[in-house]
Protein backbone atom coordinates (compact mmCIF):
# COMPACT_ATOMS: atom_id res chain seq x y z
CA MET A 1 -3.55 -8.32 1.00
CA LYS A 2 -4.56 -11.21 -1.20
CA ARG A 3 -1.83 -12.39 -3.53
CA SER A 4 -2.31 -14.30 -6.77
CA LYS A 5 0.46 -15.51 -9.03
CA PHE A 6 -0.38 -16.27 -12.65
CA ILE A 7 1.98 -18.80 -14.17
CA GLN A 8 3.06 -18.18 -17.76
CA GLY A 9 1.36 -20.20 -20.45
CA SER A 10 -1.75 -21.04 -18.44
CA GLY A 11 -4.50 -21.71 -20.98
CA LEU A 12 -7.22 -21.10 -18.38
CA PHE A 13 -7.12 -17.34 -18.92
CA LEU A 14 -7.31 -17.48 -22.71
CA LEU A 15 -10.97 -18.48 -22.95
CA GLY A 16 -13.21 -16.08 -24.88
CA LEU A 17 -10.70 -13.27 -25.29
CA GLY A 18 -10.56 -13.09 -29.09
CA LEU A 19 -6.94 -12.13 -29.64
CA ALA A 20 -6.99 -11.88 -33.42
CA ASN A 21 -7.51 -8.12 -33.66
CA CYS A 22 -4.42 -6.89 -31.83
CA SER A 23 -3.03 -3.37 -32.04
CA ARG A 24 0.69 -3.01 -32.50
CA GLU A 25 2.93 -3.83 -29.57
CA LEU A 26 5.07 -1.30 -27.76
CA GLY A 27 8.02 -3.29 -26.54
CA SER A 28 9.99 -5.68 -28.71
CA ARG A 29 10.32 -9.29 -27.57
CA GLU A 30 14.02 -8.62 -27.02
CA GLN A 31 13.27 -5.71 -24.69
CA LEU A 32 10.81 -7.75 -22.65
CA ASN A 33 13.13 -10.72 -22.35
CA SER A 34 16.08 -8.53 -21.41
CA GLU A 35 14.28 -7.39 -18.28
CA ASN A 36 13.67 -11.04 -17.39
CA LYS A 37 11.84 -10.36 -14.14
CA GLU A 38 8.34 -10.79 -12.79
CA LEU A 39 6.01 -7.91 -13.57
CA ASP A 40 4.78 -6.68 -10.20
CA ILE A 41 1.18 -5.42 -10.35
CA TRP A 42 -0.79 -3.94 -7.45
CA TRP A 43 -4.51 -3.80 -8.22
CA ASN A 44 -7.63 -2.71 -6.39
CA GLN A 45 -9.50 -5.84 -5.31
CA GLY A 46 -12.74 -6.09 -7.27
CA PHE A 47 -16.11 -5.47 -5.67
CA TYR A 48 -17.31 -8.60 -7.47
CA PRO A 49 -15.40 -11.84 -8.23
CA GLU A 50 -16.08 -11.27 -11.93
CA GLU A 51 -13.83 -8.18 -11.91
CA THR A 52 -10.88 -10.20 -10.71
CA ASP A 53 -11.75 -13.03 -13.09
CA GLU A 54 -11.68 -10.73 -16.11
CA LEU A 55 -8.39 -9.19 -15.02
CA ALA A 56 -6.95 -12.69 -14.63
CA LYS A 57 -8.04 -13.58 -18.17
CA ILE A 58 -6.39 -10.48 -19.60
CA ILE A 59 -3.18 -11.13 -17.72
CA GLY A 60 -3.18 -14.78 -18.74
CA ALA A 61 -3.70 -13.97 -22.42
CA TRP A 62 -0.91 -11.37 -22.34
CA GLN A 63 1.40 -13.87 -20.64
CA GLN A 64 0.67 -16.44 -23.32
CA ARG A 65 1.77 -13.92 -25.94
CA THR A 66 4.85 -12.58 -24.17
CA LYS A 67 5.90 -15.53 -21.95
CA ALA A 68 6.39 -12.95 -19.19
CA LYS A 69 5.74 -13.69 -15.53
CA VAL A 70 3.31 -11.67 -13.42
CA ASN A 71 3.00 -11.25 -9.69
CA LEU A 72 -0.43 -9.77 -8.96
CA THR A 73 -1.29 -8.34 -5.56
CA LEU A 74 -4.97 -7.59 -4.89
CA ILE A 75 -5.50 -4.99 -2.17
CA SER A 76 -8.76 -3.87 -0.59
CA ASN A 77 -10.17 -0.45 -1.36
CA LYS A 78 -9.64 0.76 2.19
CA ASP A 79 -5.98 -0.31 2.34
CA ILE A 80 -4.58 0.23 -1.13
CA LEU A 81 -3.58 3.91 -0.89
CA HIS A 82 -2.04 3.35 2.53
CA GLN A 83 -0.02 0.41 1.23
CA PHE A 84 1.18 2.45 -1.73
CA ARG A 85 2.33 5.33 0.48
CA ILE A 86 4.27 2.92 2.69
CA ALA A 87 5.97 1.46 -0.39
CA LEU A 88 6.68 4.96 -1.70
CA LYS A 89 8.57 5.85 1.48
CA LYS A 90 10.56 2.62 1.24
CA ASN A 91 11.22 3.11 -2.48
CA ASN A 92 9.71 -0.30 -3.13
CA LEU A 93 6.91 0.40 -5.58
CA PRO A 94 5.32 -2.06 -8.00
CA ASP A 95 5.70 -1.84 -11.78
CA ILE A 96 1.98 -1.12 -12.28
CA PHE A 97 -0.51 0.36 -9.82
CA PHE A 98 -4.28 0.72 -10.00
CA SER A 99 -6.73 2.03 -7.43
CA ASN A 100 -10.35 3.07 -8.01
CA VAL A 101 -9.87 6.17 -5.88
CA ALA A 102 -6.30 7.27 -6.67
CA SER A 103 -7.25 9.72 -9.42
CA THR A 104 -8.33 12.40 -6.94
CA ASP A 105 -6.22 11.43 -3.95
CA LEU A 106 -2.79 10.34 -5.17
CA ILE A 107 -2.04 10.41 -8.89
CA PRO A 108 -2.11 14.22 -9.44
CA ILE A 109 0.55 14.68 -6.73
CA LEU A 110 2.72 11.84 -8.04
CA ALA A 111 2.63 13.39 -11.51
CA TRP A 112 3.36 16.85 -10.08
CA GLU A 113 6.43 15.56 -8.25
CA GLY A 114 7.77 13.78 -11.33
CA LEU A 115 7.27 10.30 -9.90
CA LEU A 116 5.32 8.79 -12.79
CA THR A 117 6.33 7.39 -16.17
CA ASP A 118 5.06 9.34 -19.17
CA LEU A 119 2.48 7.12 -20.93
CA SER A 120 2.00 9.30 -24.02
CA GLU A 121 3.28 6.48 -26.22
CA ILE A 122 0.41 4.26 -25.07
CA ILE A 123 -2.22 7.00 -25.06
CA ASN A 124 -1.35 7.92 -28.65
CA LEU A 125 -2.17 4.37 -29.79
CA PHE A 126 -5.80 4.85 -28.69
CA LYS A 127 -6.14 8.63 -28.54
CA LYS A 128 -8.98 8.85 -31.06
CA LYS A 129 -10.99 6.32 -29.09
CA TYR A 130 -11.08 8.21 -25.77
CA THR A 131 -13.49 10.95 -24.77
CA LYS A 132 -12.03 14.42 -24.44
CA GLN A 133 -12.58 14.32 -20.68
CA ALA A 134 -10.78 11.00 -20.36
CA LEU A 135 -7.71 12.50 -22.03
CA THR A 136 -7.92 15.68 -19.96
CA SER A 137 -8.17 13.64 -16.76
CA VAL A 138 -4.72 12.08 -17.25
CA TYR A 139 -2.97 15.14 -18.72
CA TYR A 140 -1.14 16.15 -15.57
CA LEU A 141 1.34 18.88 -14.73
CA ASN A 142 4.90 17.80 -13.87
CA LYS A 143 6.75 20.51 -11.93
CA ILE A 144 10.11 18.78 -12.32
CA GLU A 145 9.99 18.86 -16.12
CA ASN A 146 7.73 21.94 -16.20
CA LYS A 147 5.24 20.38 -18.61
CA ARG A 148 1.91 18.64 -18.88
CA SER A 149 1.75 15.16 -20.34
CA TYR A 150 -0.14 11.87 -20.12
CA TYR A 151 1.02 10.28 -16.88
CA ALA A 152 -1.80 7.75 -16.44
CA LEU A 153 -4.00 5.45 -18.48
CA PRO A 154 -7.79 6.04 -18.20
CA ILE A 155 -9.76 2.81 -17.78
CA PHE A 156 -13.34 3.63 -16.79
CA GLN A 157 -15.53 6.35 -15.30
CA SER A 158 -18.18 6.74 -12.65
CA SER A 159 -20.42 9.45 -11.30
CA ILE A 160 -22.65 10.06 -8.25
CA TYR A 161 -25.96 8.19 -8.44
CA ILE A 162 -29.22 8.23 -6.50
CA HIS A 163 -31.01 4.96 -5.66
CA TYR A 164 -34.34 4.34 -3.92
CA TRP A 165 -36.83 1.57 -3.14
CA GLN A 166 -39.60 2.03 -5.69
CA ASP A 167 -41.73 -0.74 -4.17
CA LEU A 168 -41.78 1.14 -0.86
CA LEU A 169 -42.81 4.34 -2.62
CA ALA A 170 -45.50 2.42 -4.46
CA SER A 171 -46.88 1.10 -1.17
CA ILE A 172 -47.81 4.67 -0.22
CA GLY A 173 -49.19 5.56 -3.64
CA GLN A 174 -46.10 7.20 -5.14
CA LYS A 175 -44.89 6.44 -8.67
CA PRO A 176 -41.46 7.11 -10.22
CA GLU A 177 -42.93 9.80 -12.46
CA SER A 178 -44.29 11.61 -9.41
CA ILE A 179 -40.79 12.32 -8.07
CA PRO A 180 -40.36 16.12 -8.30
CA ARG A 181 -37.48 17.44 -10.40
CA ASP A 182 -37.13 20.75 -8.58
CA TRP A 183 -34.47 20.79 -5.82
CA ASP A 184 -36.61 21.46 -2.75
CA GLY A 185 -39.53 19.33 -3.93
CA PHE A 186 -37.23 16.39 -4.64
CA TRP A 187 -35.79 16.26 -1.12
CA LYS A 188 -39.18 17.01 0.47
CA LEU A 189 -40.64 13.87 -1.15
CA TRP A 190 -38.36 11.53 0.80
CA GLU A 191 -39.06 13.35 4.05
CA ILE A 192 -42.82 13.01 3.59
CA SER A 193 -42.48 9.40 2.45
CA GLU A 194 -40.50 8.50 5.57
CA LEU A 195 -43.35 9.70 7.77
CA GLU A 196 -45.97 7.86 5.73
CA LEU A 197 -43.98 4.60 5.67
CA ARG A 198 -43.38 4.73 9.41
CA LYS A 199 -47.06 5.28 10.02
CA LYS A 200 -48.17 2.60 7.54
CA ASN A 201 -45.67 -0.14 8.40
CA ASN A 202 -44.72 0.81 11.95
CA SER A 203 -41.10 0.73 10.76
CA ASN A 204 -38.00 2.72 11.68
CA ILE A 205 -37.05 3.49 8.11
CA TYR A 206 -35.16 6.73 7.47
CA ALA A 207 -35.61 8.99 4.47
CA TYR A 208 -31.92 9.20 3.55
CA GLY A 209 -28.97 6.82 3.80
CA LEU A 210 -26.44 9.65 3.54
CA PRO A 211 -23.01 9.47 5.26
CA MET A 212 -22.13 12.29 7.63
CA SER A 213 -18.75 10.87 8.62
CA LEU A 214 -15.05 11.31 7.90
CA SER A 215 -15.31 9.00 4.90
CA TRP A 216 -14.29 9.21 1.26
CA GLU A 217 -17.94 8.90 0.20
CA THR A 218 -19.06 11.82 2.39
CA PHE A 219 -16.47 14.04 0.71
CA ASN A 220 -17.48 13.04 -2.82
CA ILE A 221 -21.22 13.20 -2.25
CA PHE A 222 -20.86 16.66 -0.73
CA GLU A 223 -18.80 17.76 -3.75
CA GLN A 224 -21.89 16.99 -5.83
CA PHE A 225 -23.98 19.11 -3.46
CA LEU A 226 -21.52 21.96 -4.01
CA GLU A 227 -21.98 21.53 -7.75
CA ALA A 228 -25.74 21.81 -7.21
CA TYR A 229 -25.26 25.14 -5.47
CA ASN A 230 -22.92 26.37 -8.24
CA VAL A 231 -19.90 26.55 -5.96
CA LYS A 232 -16.81 26.85 -8.17
CA LEU A 233 -13.51 26.54 -6.30
CA ILE A 234 -10.86 25.93 -8.99
CA ASP A 235 -10.84 27.02 -12.64
CA GLU A 236 -9.59 24.87 -15.52
CA ASN A 237 -6.20 26.56 -15.35
CA GLY A 238 -5.83 25.49 -11.72
CA GLY A 239 -6.48 28.98 -10.34
CA SER A 240 -8.33 29.63 -7.09
CA LEU A 241 -11.88 31.05 -7.15
CA LEU A 242 -12.22 31.16 -3.37
CA LYS A 243 -12.44 34.97 -3.26
CA ASP A 244 -15.69 34.90 -5.22
CA GLY A 245 -18.55 35.82 -2.87
CA GLN A 246 -20.67 33.04 -4.37
CA VAL A 247 -18.32 30.48 -2.79
CA LEU A 248 -19.19 31.40 0.80
CA GLU A 249 -22.87 31.83 -0.01
CA GLY A 250 -23.14 28.53 -1.90
CA LEU A 251 -21.01 26.55 0.54
CA THR A 252 -23.09 27.80 3.46
CA ALA A 253 -26.33 26.83 1.70
CA ALA A 254 -24.97 23.39 0.79
CA LEU A 255 -23.81 22.73 4.35
CA GLU A 256 -27.14 23.88 5.75
CA LYS A 257 -29.08 21.60 3.41
CA TYR A 258 -26.88 18.52 3.81
CA THR A 259 -26.66 18.68 7.60
CA SER A 260 -30.38 19.39 7.93
CA PHE A 261 -31.13 15.77 7.03
CA TYR A 262 -29.28 14.60 10.12
CA ILE A 263 -30.52 17.40 12.38
CA LYS A 264 -34.14 16.55 11.48
CA ASN A 265 -33.52 12.85 12.27
CA GLU A 266 -34.05 11.83 8.65
CA VAL A 267 -30.68 10.04 8.53
CA PRO A 268 -29.67 7.09 10.76
CA PRO A 269 -27.85 8.39 13.87
CA LYS A 270 -24.88 6.09 13.19
CA ALA A 271 -24.31 7.79 9.81
CA ILE A 272 -22.02 10.23 11.60
CA ASN A 273 -19.53 7.38 12.05
CA TRP A 274 -20.12 5.39 8.86
CA GLN A 275 -17.29 3.99 6.81
CA ASP A 276 -17.57 3.87 3.01
CA PRO A 277 -19.62 0.62 2.69
CA ASN A 278 -22.10 1.44 5.45
CA ASN A 279 -24.55 3.48 3.39
CA ASN A 280 -24.78 0.53 0.97
CA ILE A 281 -25.38 -1.90 3.82
CA ASN A 282 -27.95 0.35 5.46
CA PHE A 283 -29.84 0.94 2.22
CA LEU A 284 -29.81 -2.70 1.09
CA SER A 285 -31.14 -3.64 4.53
CA ARG A 286 -34.10 -1.35 3.76
CA LEU A 287 -33.30 0.90 6.68
CA SER A 288 -33.34 3.96 4.44
CA LEU A 289 -35.61 4.86 1.54
CA MET A 290 -32.96 6.41 -0.69
CA THR A 291 -29.21 6.81 -0.81
CA VAL A 292 -26.45 8.35 -2.92
CA ASN A 293 -23.46 6.36 -4.12
CA PRO A 294 -20.38 7.12 -6.27
CA THR A 295 -20.69 3.93 -8.37
CA LEU A 296 -23.48 1.60 -9.48
CA SER A 297 -22.35 -0.99 -6.93
CA ILE A 298 -25.75 -1.04 -5.22
CA PRO A 299 -27.82 -2.23 -8.21
CA GLY A 300 -24.82 -4.26 -9.40
CA SER A 301 -24.94 -6.27 -6.18
CA GLN A 302 -28.54 -7.28 -6.93
CA THR A 303 -28.22 -8.57 -10.49
CA HIS A 304 -28.65 -12.13 -9.23
CA ASP A 305 -32.21 -11.30 -8.14
CA ARG A 306 -34.12 -9.94 -11.10
CA GLU A 307 -37.18 -9.05 -9.03
CA ILE A 308 -35.16 -6.74 -6.82
CA TYR A 309 -33.01 -5.41 -9.65
CA GLN A 310 -35.83 -4.63 -12.06
CA HIS A 311 -38.90 -4.00 -9.92
CA GLU A 312 -37.98 -3.06 -6.36
CA LEU A 313 -34.73 -1.10 -6.61
CA ALA A 314 -34.59 2.01 -8.78
CA THR A 315 -32.07 4.62 -9.91
CA THR A 316 -33.17 8.18 -10.58
CA ASN A 317 -31.56 11.31 -11.96
CA TRP A 318 -30.59 14.14 -9.67
CA PRO A 319 -33.08 16.99 -9.49
CA HIS A 320 -32.41 20.35 -11.09
CA LYS A 321 -30.16 22.70 -9.16
CA PRO A 322 -31.75 25.14 -6.70
CA SER A 323 -31.28 27.77 -9.44
CA GLY A 324 -33.45 25.67 -11.78
CA GLU A 325 -30.55 24.75 -14.07
CA SER A 326 -29.98 21.13 -15.07
CA MET A 327 -27.40 19.30 -12.96
CA ASN A 328 -23.74 19.05 -13.89
CA TYR A 329 -22.25 15.72 -12.76
CA ILE A 330 -18.80 15.23 -11.30
CA THR A 331 -17.14 12.33 -13.10
CA GLN A 332 -14.26 10.36 -11.67
CA ILE A 333 -12.05 8.56 -14.17
CA ALA A 334 -10.12 5.60 -12.80
CA GLN A 335 -6.50 5.43 -13.94
CA VAL A 336 -3.55 3.03 -14.08
CA ILE A 337 0.01 4.27 -13.53
CA ILE A 338 3.61 3.12 -13.88
CA PRO A 339 5.86 4.57 -11.15
CA LYS A 340 9.04 6.12 -12.51
CA THR A 341 11.07 3.81 -10.28
CA ALA A 342 9.45 0.67 -11.73
CA LYS A 343 12.13 -1.89 -12.53
CA ASN A 344 10.33 -3.32 -15.58
CA GLN A 345 9.38 -0.23 -17.55
CA ASP A 346 9.16 -1.77 -21.02
CA THR A 347 7.27 -4.82 -19.81
CA ALA A 348 4.84 -2.64 -17.85
CA LYS A 349 4.19 -0.46 -20.90
CA ASP A 350 3.63 -3.50 -23.06
CA PHE A 351 1.05 -4.86 -20.65
CA LEU A 352 -0.79 -1.54 -20.43
CA SER A 353 -0.84 -1.25 -24.22
CA TYR A 354 -2.50 -4.67 -24.25
CA LEU A 355 -4.91 -3.87 -21.42
CA ALA A 356 -5.98 -0.63 -23.15
CA ARG A 357 -7.30 -2.40 -26.23
CA PRO A 358 -11.05 -1.77 -26.46
CA GLU A 359 -11.96 -5.46 -26.39
CA ASN A 360 -9.97 -5.99 -23.18
CA VAL A 361 -11.24 -2.87 -21.44
CA GLU A 362 -14.79 -3.85 -22.37
CA GLU A 363 -14.48 -7.30 -20.81
CA TYR A 364 -12.91 -5.92 -17.65
CA ILE A 365 -15.63 -3.30 -17.19
CA ARG A 366 -18.34 -5.88 -17.79
CA GLY A 367 -16.89 -7.82 -14.90
CA SER A 368 -17.84 -4.88 -12.70
CA GLN A 369 -21.54 -5.65 -13.40
CA GLY A 370 -22.06 -2.20 -14.88
CA ARG A 371 -20.65 -0.50 -11.77
CA PHE A 372 -18.40 1.57 -14.04
CA PHE A 373 -18.78 3.00 -17.54
CA PRO A 374 -16.34 2.98 -20.48
CA VAL A 375 -14.30 6.03 -21.45
CA MET A 376 -14.27 4.89 -25.08
CA PRO A 377 -17.57 5.93 -26.73
CA GLU A 378 -17.52 3.02 -29.18
CA LEU A 379 -17.87 0.60 -26.27
CA LEU A 380 -21.11 2.26 -25.19
CA GLN A 381 -22.73 1.06 -28.41
CA ASP A 382 -22.68 -2.50 -27.12
CA ARG A 383 -26.11 -3.86 -26.18
CA PHE A 384 -24.95 -4.26 -22.58
CA TRP A 385 -25.05 -0.46 -22.28
CA GLN A 386 -28.00 0.01 -24.64
CA ASN A 387 -30.39 -2.39 -22.92
CA SER A 388 -33.65 -0.44 -22.68
CA GLU A 389 -34.89 -2.80 -19.97
CA ASP A 390 -32.04 -1.89 -17.62
CA SER A 391 -33.22 1.37 -16.07
CA HIS A 392 -30.20 1.62 -13.76
CA ILE A 393 -27.66 1.75 -16.57
CA ASN A 394 -29.92 3.84 -18.84
CA ILE A 395 -30.46 6.54 -16.24
CA ALA A 396 -26.84 6.51 -15.08
CA ALA A 397 -25.56 6.79 -18.65
CA LYS A 398 -27.44 10.06 -19.12
CA GLN A 399 -25.34 11.66 -16.40
CA PHE A 400 -22.25 11.44 -18.63
CA GLN A 401 -23.82 13.87 -21.08
CA LYS A 402 -23.10 16.85 -18.83
CA THR A 403 -20.09 16.43 -16.60
CA ARG A 404 -17.06 18.04 -15.05
CA LEU A 405 -13.82 16.56 -13.78
CA PRO A 406 -12.67 16.73 -10.15
CA TYR A 407 -10.65 19.81 -9.21
CA ALA A 408 -7.51 17.75 -8.55
CA THR A 409 -7.22 17.25 -12.32
CA TYR A 410 -6.45 20.95 -12.71
CA ASN A 411 -4.64 21.66 -9.45
CA PRO A 412 -2.86 18.82 -7.58
CA ALA A 413 -3.08 20.83 -4.35
CA TYR A 414 -6.76 19.94 -4.23
CA THR A 415 -5.80 16.37 -3.34
CA LYS A 416 -4.87 17.81 0.05
CA VAL A 417 -8.41 19.13 0.45
CA GLN A 418 -9.63 15.56 0.17
CA GLU A 419 -6.74 14.13 2.20
CA GLN A 420 -7.58 16.51 5.05
CA ASN A 421 -11.28 15.77 4.58
CA ILE A 422 -12.25 19.43 4.65
CA TRP A 423 -15.93 18.87 3.78
CA SER A 424 -16.49 15.96 6.16
CA ARG A 425 -14.88 17.93 8.97
CA ALA A 426 -17.09 20.94 8.20
CA ILE A 427 -20.17 18.70 8.34
CA LYS A 428 -19.04 17.26 11.67
CA LYS A 429 -18.48 20.77 13.07
CA VAL A 430 -22.11 21.64 12.35
CA LEU A 431 -23.48 18.37 13.71
CA GLU A 432 -21.26 17.74 16.72
CA ARG A 433 -20.06 21.18 17.76
CA ARG A 434 -23.29 22.98 16.78
CA MET A 435 -21.29 25.42 14.69
CA SER A 436 -23.36 27.50 12.27
CA PRO A 437 -23.09 26.45 8.61
CA GLU A 438 -21.72 29.88 7.72
CA THR A 439 -18.96 29.70 10.32
CA ALA A 440 -18.06 26.16 9.24
CA ALA A 441 -18.01 27.36 5.63
CA ARG A 442 -15.70 30.26 6.48
CA GLU A 443 -13.32 27.92 8.29
CA ALA A 444 -13.33 25.46 5.39
CA ILE A 445 -12.55 28.23 2.89
CA ALA A 446 -9.70 29.47 5.09
CA GLU A 447 -8.27 25.96 5.33
CA ILE A 448 -8.39 25.50 1.55
CA GLU A 449 -6.80 28.90 1.01
CA GLN A 450 -3.98 27.85 3.32
CA ILE A 451 -3.51 24.60 1.42
CA LEU A 452 -3.24 26.48 -1.88
CA THR A 453 -0.86 29.06 -0.37
CA ASP A 454 1.41 26.42 1.13
CA TRP A 455 1.41 24.53 -2.18
CA GLN A 456 2.80 27.51 -4.04
């Protein structure tokens, strides 16, 4: 873990923040001073230095206003949930916690078990500014108090994006507009292009940089495949839909399609053991023609090279579903929480009420190089998001016009489906144990049914 301490009153973090238009404060100065302790913040380490820089500016400006002290701990994406769970067992949690991936893995369960502070007071300050889905995403069920309420603060959103090397396609006579929009034709294009590129350039390029491993990205990418095949597992009331015959049929078809890429040697052999960053590394090394990623981190990493960003690398929409319907996109909304055991409740709430101001959220998200999108529609009107010359952001933005939230939003038991990596394990069963997709699908459904039964 990398630790950074921001000393109160440091003018370095005040530059360019524009503090004149401040919404009302939550905690009184007397309340904040009475706690008289360092605010302990655990935060997901940024993918880019600019993310951390913008967070530092926000913290510094808030410190200048409140004279409070902050102890910030930056933790890597792969370690942050593990570190939190260790602290949870030891009853030694921070005052504020943020992880990019906690909204589907951790937060719904914490809210369910009554372990989070109700943030309705903060949400209500900005309620009219959020999208309906952003509000729904943090409106969790608390079994202890037998109610739903706002137990997290939504910060930004992301979806599942497709990237490809348009210069490589162009070298074999293909243009972006020639990419088929029907499901089978879309995937067939990359298969054919792989063969042509290998023949033309004598290369070992693969069609797809898709993970087949026990990774977080495999799970989330496959969830989007399930959406393509109209597999509905949980309704908006949290009820199970597993008995619907379409679930087995759709899950089998999705497994058969996804694993076929590996079986036909169109995916790198090592993809079966990839960790989350490996598909990015493989793709950016031009070892695969296209890949799928749950943020815009791939184009974001190339903004320093305008030739690559604008002319060689491309982002494209998903094809229509196999049924011919337009795609529905799963949207993950990143959230900040205050544990109920936090020692500095009022100070933590005051900081979050400051962080949630549109001008602060906007600057923080910009630090992500467009990797994430705002959950406040007014922020999308900024020219950064409306730049017609940035095809990556333009295409990605369209995906937020037709979305659904992850199932864990409606039923916290679904976090166990991800924790146990049901989809990745099913994929591995087909690839390593030569199990039929239907059998693997039946086993996956049985495992999820058991999770839901045990939860009740």
